Amino acid sequence: MIRSAPHREPGLPDDLRVVRVDLDFDAPPSDPLFDVLSDDERDAAARFHRRADAVRSGATRSVLRRELGAELGVAPAVLRFVRTERGRPALDVAGTPPLDFNVAHGGDHALVAWSRLRRVGVDVEPIRPEWDWRPLARTVLGAEDARRIGSAPEPERAALFLAVWTAKEALLKADGRGIAAGLDGFSVLSDEGRPPRVGGVTVLAGELRRFEARWLRGIPGHAACVAWSASAGLD
């Protein structure tokens, strides 16, 4: 059974909601959860070659529809989605209050985040101990990230790298430009045990300082992060 529930994390704004989805890859297409999907969403899920990818796609969109429908007081199936000029998903429902949302899925989980007051971004990635992250280091890590990961014990480095990845993707998704803007132009690791903090001297780093972020704990075997604009406003 696919389950979803609010994910609580200290330090998040009161208006920011995060829902964690626990995926069941044996869920049949007839599962009532999928009843709210549009024809286009069903077709998109069916195009995946792997069943696990189809379930991730369909479940994430289904939970998104149900959560936003409940938030806005409308039937989930009537929600329509568009993409902004930057390719960012957005709601297209006439007469509804402003609302920003973002989704991510990876491994055994998906995340849905939204707010009526600010921009949001989210990411989740499975931690695979056997995965070699080093070939990506030069294109992902800022100077401070590289220094701190390099000084960490070897068994901790893969998880730290994915913590960096999820924080950067969440920040760039909240900003709206996505990872095509580049991941190595800023750092997010600071003092041990502290939330992500944007560091660096690039233009991108300066622009991303208007966002805050928190790593999401309590998702076993996964790294996850949510980011949001520090000041309220969806413009």
Protein backbone atom coordinates (compact mmCIF):
# COMPACT_ATOMS: atom_id res chain seq x y z
CA MET A 1 0.00 0.00 0.00
CA ILE A 2 1.25 3.48 -0.85
CA ARG A 3 1.08 5.74 2.20
CA SER A 4 1.48 9.48 2.64
CA ALA A 5 1.74 11.59 5.77
CA PRO A 6 2.90 15.05 6.84
CA HIS A 7 6.64 15.23 7.46
CA ARG A 8 7.48 17.34 10.51
CA GLU A 9 10.80 19.13 10.70
CA PRO A 10 11.93 21.82 13.16
CA GLY A 11 12.68 25.20 11.70
CA LEU A 12 10.24 25.23 8.79
CA PRO A 13 7.90 28.22 8.28
CA ASP A 14 4.37 27.67 9.55
CA ASP A 15 2.95 28.09 6.04
CA LEU A 16 5.22 25.43 4.49
CA ARG A 17 3.80 21.92 4.23
CA VAL A 18 5.81 18.81 3.39
CA VAL A 19 4.24 15.39 2.78
CA ARG A 20 6.29 12.21 2.62
CA VAL A 21 5.11 9.39 0.36
CA ASP A 22 6.18 5.80 1.15
CA LEU A 23 6.08 3.92 -2.14
CA ASP A 24 4.86 0.38 -2.69
CA PHE A 25 6.13 -0.89 -6.03
CA ASP A 26 3.63 -3.76 -6.00
CA ALA A 27 0.69 -1.35 -6.04
CA PRO A 28 -1.58 -2.27 -9.00
CA PRO A 29 -2.70 0.33 -11.58
CA SER A 30 -6.22 -0.17 -10.20
CA ASP A 31 -5.19 1.22 -6.79
CA PRO A 32 -7.78 3.91 -5.87
CA LEU A 33 -4.92 6.34 -5.21
CA PHE A 34 -4.44 6.69 -8.98
CA ASP A 35 -8.09 7.53 -9.71
CA VAL A 36 -7.39 11.28 -9.76
CA LEU A 37 -4.71 11.16 -12.48
CA SER A 38 -5.34 12.86 -15.81
CA ASP A 39 -5.06 10.93 -19.06
CA ASP A 40 -1.75 12.66 -19.79
CA GLU A 41 -0.38 11.63 -16.39
CA ARG A 42 -1.45 8.04 -16.94
CA ASP A 43 0.19 8.03 -20.35
CA ALA A 44 3.39 9.51 -18.91
CA ALA A 45 3.56 6.81 -16.25
CA ALA A 46 2.87 4.07 -18.80
CA ARG A 47 5.83 5.17 -20.93
CA PHE A 48 8.34 4.16 -18.26
CA HIS A 49 10.05 0.85 -19.01
CA ARG A 50 10.49 -0.03 -15.32
CA ARG A 51 7.44 -0.59 -13.15
CA ALA A 52 9.12 1.13 -10.19
CA ASP A 53 9.51 4.34 -12.22
CA ALA A 54 5.87 4.19 -13.33
CA VAL A 55 4.71 3.80 -9.71
CA ARG A 56 6.94 6.71 -8.56
CA SER A 57 5.53 8.98 -11.25
CA GLY A 58 1.88 8.04 -10.78
CA ALA A 59 1.96 8.02 -6.98
CA THR A 60 3.73 11.36 -6.74
CA ARG A 61 1.25 13.09 -9.06
CA SER A 62 -1.69 11.44 -7.30
CA VAL A 63 -0.60 12.59 -3.85
CA LEU A 64 0.17 16.06 -5.23
CA ARG A 65 -3.35 16.32 -6.64
CA ARG A 66 -4.98 15.08 -3.45
CA GLU A 67 -2.98 17.35 -1.16
CA LEU A 68 -3.42 20.50 -3.25
CA GLY A 69 -7.08 19.71 -3.81
CA ALA A 70 -7.61 19.45 -0.06
CA GLU A 71 -5.66 22.66 0.51
CA LEU A 72 -7.69 24.60 -2.06
CA GLY A 73 -11.04 22.92 -1.43
CA VAL A 74 -11.43 21.58 -4.96
CA ALA A 75 -11.69 18.10 -6.46
CA PRO A 76 -8.18 16.73 -7.11
CA ALA A 77 -9.04 15.56 -10.61
CA VAL A 78 -9.98 19.06 -11.82
CA LEU A 79 -6.60 20.60 -11.06
CA ARG A 80 -4.68 21.64 -14.16
CA PHE A 81 -0.93 22.12 -14.32
CA VAL A 82 1.18 24.25 -16.64
CA ARG A 83 4.86 25.09 -16.89
CA THR A 84 6.42 28.50 -16.47
CA GLU A 85 8.85 30.00 -18.97
CA ARG A 86 11.65 28.30 -17.02
CA GLY A 87 9.86 24.96 -17.22
CA ARG A 88 8.76 24.97 -13.60
CA PRO A 89 5.39 23.27 -12.85
CA ALA A 90 2.62 25.59 -11.68
CA LEU A 91 -1.12 25.48 -11.05
CA ASP A 92 -3.53 26.76 -13.68
CA VAL A 93 -6.88 26.98 -11.92
CA ALA A 94 -8.84 30.18 -12.40
CA GLY A 95 -9.97 31.87 -9.22
CA THR A 96 -7.79 29.88 -6.80
CA PRO A 97 -5.53 31.64 -4.29
CA PRO A 98 -1.81 31.78 -5.15
CA LEU A 99 0.04 28.61 -4.17
CA ASP A 100 3.52 27.34 -4.95
CA PHE A 101 4.47 23.66 -4.90
CA ASN A 102 7.27 21.28 -5.76
CA VAL A 103 7.71 17.51 -5.86
CA ALA A 104 10.57 15.03 -5.92
CA HIS A 105 10.91 11.27 -5.88
CA GLY A 106 13.82 8.89 -5.52
CA GLY A 107 14.38 5.44 -4.11
CA ASP A 108 11.50 4.32 -1.91
CA HIS A 109 10.01 7.75 -1.27
CA ALA A 110 8.54 10.88 -2.78
CA LEU A 111 8.05 14.34 -1.31
CA VAL A 112 5.39 16.96 -1.98
CA ALA A 113 5.87 20.49 -0.63
CA TRP A 114 3.74 23.60 -0.95
CA SER A 115 3.07 27.04 0.49
CA ARG A 116 0.59 29.84 -0.12
CA LEU A 117 3.16 32.48 0.80
CA ARG A 118 6.56 31.59 -0.63
CA ARG A 119 8.50 29.68 -3.27
CA VAL A 120 9.44 26.11 -2.39
CA GLY A 121 11.73 23.40 -3.70
CA VAL A 122 12.38 19.85 -2.55
CA ASP A 123 14.58 16.87 -3.39
CA VAL A 124 15.11 13.31 -2.15
CA GLU A 125 17.76 10.78 -3.19
CA PRO A 126 18.53 7.22 -2.05
CA ILE A 127 21.89 6.71 -0.34
CA ARG A 128 23.66 3.86 -2.13
CA PRO A 129 26.92 2.92 -0.38
CA GLU A 130 28.26 1.21 -3.50
CA TRP A 131 27.64 4.27 -5.72
CA ASP A 132 30.81 6.15 -6.70
CA TRP A 133 30.04 9.86 -6.36
CA ARG A 134 33.58 11.05 -7.09
CA PRO A 135 33.22 11.46 -10.89
CA LEU A 136 30.52 14.07 -10.19
CA ALA A 137 32.42 15.95 -7.48
CA ARG A 138 33.94 18.64 -9.72
CA THR A 139 30.59 19.57 -11.25
CA VAL A 140 28.60 19.48 -8.00
CA LEU A 141 30.77 20.62 -5.08
CA GLY A 142 31.65 24.18 -4.23
CA ALA A 143 35.00 24.88 -2.58
CA GLU A 144 33.70 24.62 1.00
CA ASP A 145 31.66 21.51 0.19
CA ALA A 146 34.74 19.79 -1.22
CA ARG A 147 36.87 20.79 1.76
CA ARG A 148 34.40 19.48 4.33
CA ILE A 149 33.67 16.24 2.51
CA GLY A 150 37.38 15.68 2.02
CA SER A 151 37.99 16.01 5.75
CA ALA A 152 35.14 13.64 6.71
CA PRO A 153 35.71 9.94 7.44
CA GLU A 154 35.52 7.89 4.26
CA PRO A 155 32.32 5.98 5.22
CA GLU A 156 30.46 9.29 5.64
CA ARG A 157 31.41 10.91 2.35
CA ALA A 158 28.76 9.41 0.05
CA ALA A 159 25.95 10.50 2.38
CA LEU A 160 27.49 13.97 2.70
CA PHE A 161 27.74 14.28 -1.06
CA LEU A 162 24.06 13.43 -1.43
CA ALA A 163 23.17 15.89 1.32
CA VAL A 164 24.92 18.55 -0.75
CA TRP A 165 23.17 17.40 -3.92
CA THR A 166 19.68 17.46 -2.41
CA ALA A 167 20.21 20.87 -0.81
CA LYS A 168 21.45 22.39 -4.06
CA GLU A 169 18.67 20.88 -6.13
CA ALA A 170 16.01 22.04 -3.64
CA LEU A 171 17.43 25.58 -3.63
CA LEU A 172 17.63 25.80 -7.41
CA LYS A 173 14.14 24.37 -7.82
CA ALA A 174 12.76 26.92 -5.37
CA ASP A 175 14.56 29.65 -7.29
CA GLY A 176 13.04 28.33 -10.50
CA ARG A 177 16.10 27.87 -12.67
CA GLY A 178 16.84 24.21 -11.85
CA ILE A 179 20.18 22.42 -11.84
CA ALA A 180 21.00 23.64 -15.35
CA ALA A 181 22.17 26.81 -13.61
CA GLY A 182 25.11 24.81 -12.24
CA LEU A 183 25.78 23.19 -8.90
CA ASP A 184 29.44 24.01 -8.32
CA GLY A 185 29.00 27.79 -8.20
CA PHE A 186 28.07 27.80 -4.52
CA SER A 187 28.49 25.74 -1.35
CA VAL A 188 25.91 24.60 1.19
CA LEU A 189 27.98 22.85 3.87
CA SER A 190 28.95 25.00 6.85
CA ASP A 191 29.40 24.10 10.49
CA GLU A 192 28.69 20.51 11.43
CA GLY A 193 25.09 19.97 12.44
CA ARG A 194 23.94 23.26 10.93
CA PRO A 195 21.28 23.64 8.21
CA PRO A 196 22.40 24.28 4.60
CA ARG A 197 23.84 27.76 4.14
CA VAL A 198 24.62 29.22 0.74
CA GLY A 199 28.27 30.23 0.48
CA GLY A 200 30.45 31.49 -2.33
CA VAL A 201 31.25 34.67 -4.24
CA THR A 202 29.49 33.96 -7.56
CA VAL A 203 26.45 35.86 -8.80
CA LEU A 204 24.41 32.67 -8.39
CA ALA A 205 25.46 32.31 -4.75
CA GLY A 206 24.38 35.89 -4.07
CA GLU A 207 20.97 35.32 -5.62
CA LEU A 208 20.38 32.07 -3.76
CA ARG A 209 20.97 33.71 -0.37
CA ARG A 210 17.35 34.85 -0.46
CA PHE A 211 16.41 31.24 0.21
CA GLU A 212 16.66 29.07 3.30
CA ALA A 213 16.75 25.28 3.54
CA ARG A 214 16.61 22.36 5.93
CA TRP A 215 17.67 18.78 5.49
CA LEU A 216 14.75 16.43 6.21
CA ARG A 217 15.63 13.82 8.80
CA GLY A 218 13.94 10.54 9.53
CA ILE A 219 13.79 9.11 6.01
CA PRO A 220 15.92 5.97 6.40
CA GLY A 221 18.43 5.35 3.65
CA HIS A 222 17.70 8.65 1.90
CA ALA A 223 19.02 12.20 1.80
CA ALA A 224 16.36 14.90 1.46
CA CYS A 225 16.07 18.67 1.65
CA VAL A 226 13.40 21.38 1.37
CA ALA A 227 14.12 25.01 0.47
CA TRP A 228 11.97 28.14 0.53
CA SER A 229 12.17 31.87 -0.12
CA ALA A 230 13.05 33.59 3.16
CA SER A 231 10.64 36.47 2.61
CA ALA A 232 6.97 35.89 1.90
CA GLY A 233 5.74 36.54 -1.62
CA LEU A 234 5.19 34.48 -4.74
CA ASP A 235 6.23 37.11 -7.29
